[in-house]
Amino acid sequence: MKFTVDRIENGIAVCEASEEENIIKKEFPTANIPFEIKEGTIFSVIEKDGISEFVLSESDVQDTVETKKRVRSKLNKLFNRKK
């Protein structure tokens, strides 16, 4: 399942994922995630036998970049700013 980091608080990554029309919120200790994350990072979590495996694929990196561009564009339009 793909998660997006909403925020990081006291070493805990507060993340969200969409499944159909539901939003799933989960918290993961940042110490368990084997790559750098920050707000807006998209990554995959594979759950197997109660163990979470964290994966950052090239597709996840591209999704993060595209999402940030889309959000930046919307904010610029909202506040009538130029790039």
Protein backbone atom coordinates (compact mmCIF):
# COMPACT_ATOMS: atom_id res chain seq x y z
CA MET A 1 0.00 0.00 0.00
CA LYS A 2 1.27 3.49 -0.83
CA PHE A 3 1.45 6.01 1.99
CA THR A 4 2.12 9.75 1.98
CA VAL A 5 3.89 11.35 4.94
CA ASP A 6 1.55 13.97 6.37
CA ARG A 7 3.91 15.11 9.12
CA ILE A 8 6.67 13.93 11.43
CA GLU A 9 6.23 14.39 15.17
CA ASN A 10 8.73 13.27 17.79
CA GLY A 11 10.27 10.60 15.57
CA ILE A 12 6.91 9.29 14.35
CA ALA A 13 5.86 9.57 10.70
CA VAL A 14 2.12 10.25 10.55
CA CYS A 15 1.04 8.87 7.17
CA GLU A 16 -2.10 8.53 5.07
CA ALA A 17 -3.16 6.16 2.32
CA SER A 18 -6.30 6.04 0.20
CA GLU A 19 -8.16 2.80 -0.27
CA GLU A 20 -11.22 3.19 -2.45
CA GLU A 21 -13.10 6.02 -0.73
CA ASN A 22 -11.49 5.54 2.68
CA ILE A 23 -8.47 7.33 4.12
CA ILE A 24 -6.23 5.11 6.21
CA LYS A 25 -4.00 6.80 8.78
CA LYS A 26 -0.97 5.02 10.20
CA GLU A 27 2.00 5.98 12.29
CA PHE A 28 5.48 4.54 11.78
CA PRO A 29 8.61 5.19 13.84
CA THR A 30 11.02 7.01 11.54
CA ALA A 31 13.85 4.84 12.93
CA ASN A 32 12.20 1.83 11.24
CA ILE A 33 12.15 3.46 7.79
CA PRO A 34 15.45 2.73 5.99
CA PHE A 35 15.47 5.87 3.83
CA GLU A 36 15.06 9.60 4.33
CA ILE A 37 11.50 10.87 4.49
CA LYS A 38 9.90 14.27 4.93
CA GLU A 39 6.43 15.73 4.58
CA GLY A 40 4.97 14.75 1.23
CA THR A 41 7.19 11.70 0.67
CA ILE A 42 5.30 8.83 -0.97
CA PHE A 43 6.49 5.30 -0.21
CA SER A 44 5.14 1.76 -0.14
CA VAL A 45 4.56 -0.48 2.84
CA ILE A 46 4.33 -4.23 2.41
CA GLU A 47 2.83 -6.01 5.42
CA LYS A 48 3.75 -9.67 5.82
CA ASP A 49 3.27 -11.76 8.95
CA GLY A 50 2.80 -8.62 11.04
CA ILE A 51 6.07 -7.09 9.83
CA SER A 52 6.15 -3.87 7.80
CA GLU A 53 8.64 -3.63 4.95
CA PHE A 54 9.24 -0.07 3.75
CA VAL A 55 10.00 0.40 0.05
CA LEU A 56 10.92 3.55 -1.85
CA SER A 57 10.72 2.75 -5.55
CA GLU A 58 11.57 4.97 -8.49
CA SER A 59 7.83 5.15 -9.14
CA ASP A 60 7.27 6.44 -5.56
CA VAL A 61 9.96 9.10 -6.05
CA GLN A 62 8.34 10.21 -9.32
CA ASP A 63 4.88 10.27 -7.67
CA THR A 64 6.31 12.50 -4.91
CA VAL A 65 7.81 14.92 -7.43
CA GLU A 66 4.62 15.09 -9.51
CA THR A 67 2.41 15.58 -6.46
CA LYS A 68 4.60 18.41 -5.17
CA LYS A 69 4.46 20.12 -8.59
CA ARG A 70 0.67 19.78 -8.72
CA VAL A 71 0.23 21.16 -5.19
CA ARG A 72 2.65 24.04 -5.86
CA SER A 73 0.74 24.94 -9.03
CA LYS A 74 -2.59 24.94 -7.18
CA LEU A 75 -1.18 27.14 -4.41
CA ASN A 76 0.27 29.55 -6.97
CA LYS A 77 -3.13 29.81 -8.68
CA LEU A 78 -4.90 30.22 -5.36
CA PHE A 79 -2.65 33.07 -4.28
CA ASN A 80 -2.26 34.41 -7.84
CA ARG A 81 1.52 34.02 -7.80
CA LYS A 82 3.92 33.30 -10.59
CA LYS A 83 6.27 30.33 -10.48
